[in-house]
Amino acid sequence: MARTVFALAAVLLVASGPEAAEPANDYPTVVRADYVFGCMQVNGQTRDALERCSCSIDVIASLLPYEQYEEAETIMRVRQRGGKNAAMFLTMPMLRAKVDDLKRAQVEAELRCF
C-alpha cells in the first residue's frame, strides 16, 4: 500500500510540476506569429531577429494576459486611424492606462531580449 501511495504521489508531482512552473499560454499562435513577423520587419530578417522577437512576445505574454494585450492593441490601432472617433481613444484615462500597460511590457521585453 505504501508503494501505491508513493507511486501516486510521484505521478501527481510529475504531472503538476511543469504546468505550475509555466504561465498559461493564452495568446493564440496567429497573434504570436503576427507579432514576430512585424518585429522582424523592423529588426531585420535574420535568425537572430527571429529569436529575439520570439523572446519578446514570450515576455509580453508572461506579463500581460491576452485579453489585456488585445484591448491595448485595438486601442492603438484605432488611434492610428485618426479622425473624430480616434480622439476619444486619446483622451480617456482608462484607455490610456491599458496602452501604458502594454508599453511597459514591451519595454521589459526589449530589455530582456534585445
N, C-alpha and C. Protein backbone atom coordinates (compact mmCIF):
# COMPACT_ATOMS: atom_id res chain seq x y z
N MET A 1 0.83 -1.19 0.00
CA MET A 1 0.00 0.00 0.00
C MET A 1 0.87 1.26 0.00
N ALA A 2 1.96 1.22 0.75
CA ALA A 2 2.85 2.38 0.81
C ALA A 2 3.46 2.65 -0.57
N ARG A 3 3.76 1.59 -1.31
CA ARG A 3 4.30 1.77 -2.66
C ARG A 3 3.28 2.44 -3.56
N THR A 4 2.03 2.05 -3.44
CA THR A 4 0.97 2.63 -4.25
C THR A 4 0.80 4.11 -3.95
N VAL A 5 0.81 4.47 -2.69
CA VAL A 5 0.68 5.88 -2.29
C VAL A 5 1.88 6.67 -2.80
N PHE A 6 3.08 6.10 -2.65
CA PHE A 6 4.28 6.77 -3.12
C PHE A 6 4.25 6.96 -4.64
N ALA A 7 3.84 5.92 -5.35
CA ALA A 7 3.76 5.99 -6.81
C ALA A 7 2.73 7.03 -7.24
N LEU A 8 1.59 7.05 -6.57
CA LEU A 8 0.56 8.03 -6.90
C LEU A 8 1.05 9.45 -6.64
N ALA A 9 1.75 9.65 -5.53
CA ALA A 9 2.29 10.97 -5.21
C ALA A 9 3.32 11.40 -6.25
N ALA A 10 4.16 10.47 -6.68
CA ALA A 10 5.16 10.78 -7.70
C ALA A 10 4.51 11.18 -9.01
N VAL A 11 3.47 10.47 -9.40
CA VAL A 11 2.76 10.79 -10.64
C VAL A 11 2.12 12.17 -10.55
N LEU A 12 1.54 12.49 -9.42
CA LEU A 12 0.92 13.81 -9.24
C LEU A 12 1.96 14.92 -9.29
N LEU A 13 3.12 14.70 -8.68
CA LEU A 13 4.18 15.71 -8.72
C LEU A 13 4.69 15.93 -10.13
N VAL A 14 4.90 14.86 -10.85
CA VAL A 14 5.39 14.98 -12.23
C VAL A 14 4.34 15.65 -13.10
N ALA A 15 3.09 15.31 -12.93
CA ALA A 15 2.02 15.86 -13.76
C ALA A 15 1.79 17.33 -13.47
N SER A 16 1.96 17.76 -12.23
CA SER A 16 1.67 19.15 -11.91
C SER A 16 2.91 20.04 -11.97
N GLY A 17 4.10 19.49 -11.99
CA GLY A 17 5.33 20.26 -11.95
C GLY A 17 5.48 21.25 -13.08
N PRO A 18 5.58 20.83 -14.34
CA PRO A 18 5.81 21.76 -15.43
C PRO A 18 4.68 22.76 -15.61
N GLU A 19 3.46 22.32 -15.41
CA GLU A 19 2.33 23.24 -15.60
C GLU A 19 2.34 24.34 -14.56
N ALA A 20 2.73 24.02 -13.36
CA ALA A 20 2.76 25.03 -12.31
C ALA A 20 3.87 26.04 -12.56
N ALA A 21 4.96 25.61 -13.18
CA ALA A 21 6.10 26.49 -13.41
C ALA A 21 5.89 27.43 -14.59
N GLU A 22 5.12 27.03 -15.58
CA GLU A 22 4.94 27.82 -16.78
C GLU A 22 3.63 28.61 -16.72
N PRO A 23 3.63 29.84 -17.23
CA PRO A 23 2.38 30.60 -17.29
C PRO A 23 1.46 30.01 -18.34
N ALA A 24 0.18 30.32 -18.21
CA ALA A 24 -0.80 29.83 -19.18
C ALA A 24 -0.49 30.42 -20.55
N ASN A 25 -0.59 29.61 -21.57
CA ASN A 25 -0.34 30.07 -22.94
C ASN A 25 -1.68 30.48 -23.54
N ASP A 26 -2.10 31.69 -23.24
CA ASP A 26 -3.41 32.13 -23.71
C ASP A 26 -3.33 33.03 -24.94
N TYR A 27 -2.14 33.24 -25.50
CA TYR A 27 -2.01 34.01 -26.73
C TYR A 27 -2.16 33.05 -27.91
N PRO A 28 -3.10 33.32 -28.82
CA PRO A 28 -3.23 32.45 -29.99
C PRO A 28 -1.95 32.46 -30.83
N THR A 29 -1.67 31.35 -31.45
CA THR A 29 -0.46 31.22 -32.26
C THR A 29 -0.39 32.29 -33.34
N VAL A 30 -1.51 32.60 -33.98
CA VAL A 30 -1.50 33.59 -35.05
C VAL A 30 -1.12 34.98 -34.51
N VAL A 31 -1.49 35.29 -33.29
CA VAL A 31 -1.13 36.57 -32.68
C VAL A 31 0.37 36.61 -32.41
N ARG A 32 0.90 35.52 -31.88
CA ARG A 32 2.34 35.45 -31.64
C ARG A 32 3.11 35.56 -32.97
N ALA A 33 2.65 34.84 -33.97
CA ALA A 33 3.32 34.87 -35.28
C ALA A 33 3.24 36.26 -35.90
N ASP A 34 2.10 36.93 -35.79
CA ASP A 34 1.94 38.27 -36.33
C ASP A 34 2.90 39.24 -35.63
N TYR A 35 3.02 39.11 -34.33
CA TYR A 35 3.95 39.97 -33.59
C TYR A 35 5.38 39.74 -34.06
N VAL A 36 5.77 38.47 -34.16
CA VAL A 36 7.14 38.14 -34.58
C VAL A 36 7.39 38.64 -35.99
N PHE A 37 6.43 38.47 -36.88
CA PHE A 37 6.57 38.94 -38.26
C PHE A 37 6.80 40.45 -38.30
N GLY A 38 5.98 41.20 -37.58
CA GLY A 38 6.13 42.66 -37.53
C GLY A 38 7.44 43.08 -36.90
N CYS A 39 7.81 42.40 -35.84
CA CYS A 39 9.07 42.69 -35.15
C CYS A 39 10.26 42.45 -36.08
N MET A 40 10.20 41.37 -36.84
CA MET A 40 11.29 41.06 -37.77
C MET A 40 11.35 42.07 -38.91
N GLN A 41 10.23 42.63 -39.30
CA GLN A 41 10.24 43.66 -40.34
C GLN A 41 11.04 44.88 -39.87
N VAL A 42 10.94 45.17 -38.59
CA VAL A 42 11.63 46.33 -38.02
C VAL A 42 13.09 46.02 -37.68
N ASN A 43 13.36 44.80 -37.24
CA ASN A 43 14.68 44.44 -36.72
C ASN A 43 15.53 43.59 -37.65
N GLY A 44 15.05 43.35 -38.84
CA GLY A 44 15.83 42.57 -39.80
C GLY A 44 15.32 41.15 -39.96
N GLN A 45 15.56 40.62 -41.11
CA GLN A 45 15.07 39.28 -41.45
C GLN A 45 16.17 38.25 -41.19
N THR A 46 16.65 38.21 -39.97
CA THR A 46 17.74 37.30 -39.64
C THR A 46 17.28 36.28 -38.60
N ARG A 47 18.07 35.26 -38.44
CA ARG A 47 17.80 34.25 -37.42
C ARG A 47 17.86 34.88 -36.03
N ASP A 48 18.81 35.78 -35.84
CA ASP A 48 18.93 36.48 -34.55
C ASP A 48 17.66 37.28 -34.25
N ALA A 49 17.15 37.98 -35.26
CA ALA A 49 15.93 38.76 -35.07
C ALA A 49 14.75 37.84 -34.74
N LEU A 50 14.68 36.69 -35.40
CA LEU A 50 13.61 35.72 -35.12
C LEU A 50 13.65 35.30 -33.65
N GLU A 51 14.83 34.98 -33.16
CA GLU A 51 14.95 34.55 -31.77
C GLU A 51 14.63 35.67 -30.80
N ARG A 52 15.11 36.87 -31.08
CA ARG A 52 14.85 38.00 -30.19
C ARG A 52 13.37 38.40 -30.21
N CYS A 53 12.77 38.39 -31.37
CA CYS A 53 11.35 38.76 -31.49
C CYS A 53 10.46 37.70 -30.83
N SER A 54 10.83 36.44 -30.96
CA SER A 54 10.09 35.37 -30.29
C SER A 54 10.20 35.52 -28.78
N CYS A 55 11.39 35.83 -28.32
CA CYS A 55 11.60 36.08 -26.90
C CYS A 55 10.72 37.25 -26.44
N SER A 56 10.65 38.28 -27.24
CA SER A 56 9.91 39.48 -26.89
C SER A 56 8.43 39.19 -26.66
N ILE A 57 7.79 38.46 -27.57
CA ILE A 57 6.36 38.17 -27.39
C ILE A 57 6.15 37.23 -26.22
N ASP A 58 7.11 36.35 -25.97
CA ASP A 58 7.00 35.47 -24.81
C ASP A 58 7.04 36.27 -23.50
N VAL A 59 7.91 37.27 -23.44
CA VAL A 59 7.99 38.12 -22.25
C VAL A 59 6.69 38.90 -22.08
N ILE A 60 6.21 39.48 -23.16
CA ILE A 60 4.95 40.23 -23.09
C ILE A 60 3.83 39.32 -22.61
N ALA A 61 3.76 38.12 -23.15
CA ALA A 61 2.70 37.17 -22.76
C ALA A 61 2.83 36.77 -21.30
N SER A 62 4.05 36.76 -20.77
CA SER A 62 4.23 36.40 -19.37
C SER A 62 3.81 37.54 -18.44
N LEU A 63 3.80 38.76 -18.95
CA LEU A 63 3.48 39.92 -18.13
C LEU A 63 2.04 40.42 -18.28
N LEU A 64 1.44 40.13 -19.42
CA LEU A 64 0.13 40.71 -19.74
C LEU A 64 -0.80 39.63 -20.27
N PRO A 65 -1.93 39.40 -19.62
CA PRO A 65 -2.88 38.42 -20.16
C PRO A 65 -3.33 38.81 -21.57
N TYR A 66 -3.67 37.81 -22.36
CA TYR A 66 -4.02 38.07 -23.76
C TYR A 66 -5.17 39.07 -23.87
N GLU A 67 -6.15 38.98 -23.04
CA GLU A 67 -7.30 39.90 -23.13
C GLU A 67 -6.84 41.35 -23.02
N GLN A 68 -5.93 41.63 -22.11
CA GLN A 68 -5.41 43.00 -21.95
C GLN A 68 -4.55 43.40 -23.15
N TYR A 69 -3.76 42.47 -23.66
CA TYR A 69 -2.96 42.73 -24.84
C TYR A 69 -3.86 43.10 -26.02
N GLU A 70 -4.90 42.32 -26.21
CA GLU A 70 -5.82 42.54 -27.33
C GLU A 70 -6.51 43.90 -27.22
N GLU A 71 -6.94 44.26 -26.02
CA GLU A 71 -7.59 45.56 -25.81
C GLU A 71 -6.63 46.70 -26.14
N ALA A 72 -5.41 46.62 -25.64
CA ALA A 72 -4.43 47.68 -25.88
C ALA A 72 -4.07 47.78 -27.37
N GLU A 73 -3.90 46.65 -28.03
CA GLU A 73 -3.61 46.65 -29.47
C GLU A 73 -4.75 47.30 -30.25
N THR A 74 -5.98 46.99 -29.88
CA THR A 74 -7.15 47.57 -30.55
C THR A 74 -7.18 49.08 -30.38
N ILE A 75 -6.93 49.54 -29.16
CA ILE A 75 -6.91 50.98 -28.89
C ILE A 75 -5.83 51.66 -29.73
N MET A 76 -4.65 51.06 -29.79
CA MET A 76 -3.56 51.66 -30.56
C MET A 76 -3.89 51.71 -32.05
N ARG A 77 -4.54 50.69 -32.57
CA ARG A 77 -4.91 50.68 -34.00
C ARG A 77 -5.95 51.76 -34.31
N VAL A 78 -6.90 51.93 -33.42
CA VAL A 78 -7.91 52.97 -33.64
C VAL A 78 -7.25 54.35 -33.59
N ARG A 79 -6.33 54.53 -32.68
CA ARG A 79 -5.62 55.81 -32.57
C ARG A 79 -4.87 56.14 -33.86
N GLN A 80 -4.27 55.12 -34.48
CA GLN A 80 -3.50 55.34 -35.70
C GLN A 80 -4.36 55.79 -36.86
N ARG A 81 -5.61 55.43 -36.85
CA ARG A 81 -6.51 55.80 -37.95
C ARG A 81 -6.81 57.29 -37.97
N GLY A 82 -6.82 57.89 -36.79
CA GLY A 82 -7.11 59.32 -36.71
C GLY A 82 -8.59 59.61 -36.84
N GLY A 83 -8.92 60.88 -36.98
CA GLY A 83 -10.31 61.29 -37.13
C GLY A 83 -11.00 61.55 -35.80
N LYS A 84 -12.29 61.90 -35.89
CA LYS A 84 -13.06 62.23 -34.70
C LYS A 84 -13.18 61.05 -33.74
N ASN A 85 -13.41 59.88 -34.27
CA ASN A 85 -13.59 58.71 -33.41
C ASN A 85 -12.32 58.36 -32.64
N ALA A 86 -11.18 58.62 -33.22
CA ALA A 86 -9.92 58.28 -32.56
C ALA A 86 -9.63 59.22 -31.39
N ALA A 87 -10.17 60.44 -31.43
CA ALA A 87 -9.91 61.41 -30.37
C ALA A 87 -10.34 60.87 -29.01
N MET A 88 -11.44 60.14 -28.98
CA MET A 88 -11.93 59.57 -27.73
C MET A 88 -10.89 58.61 -27.14
N PHE A 89 -10.20 57.88 -27.99
CA PHE A 89 -9.22 56.89 -27.53
C PHE A 89 -7.93 57.54 -27.05
N LEU A 90 -7.75 58.81 -27.35
CA LEU A 90 -6.56 59.53 -26.90
C LEU A 90 -6.75 60.17 -25.53
N THR A 91 -8.00 60.50 -25.19
CA THR A 91 -8.25 61.30 -24.00
C THR A 91 -8.75 60.51 -22.79
N MET A 92 -9.33 59.36 -22.99
CA MET A 92 -9.90 58.62 -21.87
C MET A 92 -8.78 57.97 -21.03
N PRO A 93 -8.68 58.33 -19.75
CA PRO A 93 -7.60 57.80 -18.89
C PRO A 93 -7.60 56.26 -18.80
N MET A 94 -8.76 55.65 -18.76
CA MET A 94 -8.83 54.19 -18.64
C MET A 94 -8.20 53.53 -19.87
N LEU A 95 -8.47 54.09 -21.05
CA LEU A 95 -7.91 53.53 -22.28
C LEU A 95 -6.42 53.80 -22.37
N ARG A 96 -6.01 54.98 -21.93
CA ARG A 96 -4.59 55.32 -21.93
C ARG A 96 -3.83 54.38 -21.00
N ALA A 97 -4.42 54.01 -19.88
CA ALA A 97 -3.77 53.10 -18.92
C ALA A 97 -3.55 51.72 -19.54
N LYS A 98 -4.50 51.25 -20.33
CA LYS A 98 -4.35 49.95 -20.99
C LYS A 98 -3.16 49.95 -21.95
N VAL A 99 -3.03 51.02 -22.71
CA VAL A 99 -1.91 51.15 -23.64
C VAL A 99 -0.59 51.28 -22.87
N ASP A 100 -0.62 52.02 -21.77
CA ASP A 100 0.59 52.17 -20.96
C ASP A 100 1.06 50.83 -20.40
N ASP A 101 0.12 49.97 -20.00
CA ASP A 101 0.48 48.63 -19.51
C ASP A 101 1.19 47.83 -20.60
N LEU A 102 0.67 47.91 -21.82
CA LEU A 102 1.30 47.20 -22.93
C LEU A 102 2.68 47.78 -23.22
N LYS A 103 2.80 49.08 -23.20
CA LYS A 103 4.10 49.70 -23.47
C LYS A 103 5.13 49.32 -22.41
N ARG A 104 4.71 49.22 -21.15
CA ARG A 104 5.64 48.79 -20.10
C ARG A 104 6.09 47.35 -20.35
N ALA A 105 5.17 46.50 -20.76
CA ALA A 105 5.53 45.11 -21.06
C ALA A 105 6.48 45.05 -22.26
N GLN A 106 6.27 45.91 -23.24
CA GLN A 106 7.15 45.95 -24.41
C GLN A 106 8.56 46.42 -24.02
N VAL A 107 8.64 47.40 -23.13
CA VAL A 107 9.94 47.88 -22.66
C VAL A 107 10.67 46.76 -21.93
N GLU A 108 9.95 46.05 -21.06
CA GLU A 108 10.57 44.94 -20.35
C GLU A 108 11.06 43.87 -21.32
N ALA A 109 10.26 43.58 -22.34
CA ALA A 109 10.66 42.61 -23.36
C ALA A 109 11.91 43.09 -24.11
N GLU A 110 11.96 44.35 -24.39
CA GLU A 110 13.12 44.93 -25.08
C GLU A 110 14.38 44.77 -24.22
N LEU A 111 14.25 45.03 -22.94
CA LEU A 111 15.40 44.91 -22.05
C LEU A 111 15.86 43.47 -21.91
N ARG A 112 14.94 42.55 -21.87
CA ARG A 112 15.32 41.14 -21.68
C ARG A 112 15.82 40.47 -22.96
N CYS A 113 15.33 40.91 -24.10
CA CYS A 113 15.57 40.15 -25.33
C CYS A 113 16.50 40.82 -26.33
N PHE A 114 16.67 42.12 -26.25
CA PHE A 114 17.47 42.80 -27.27
C PHE A 114 18.73 43.43 -26.72
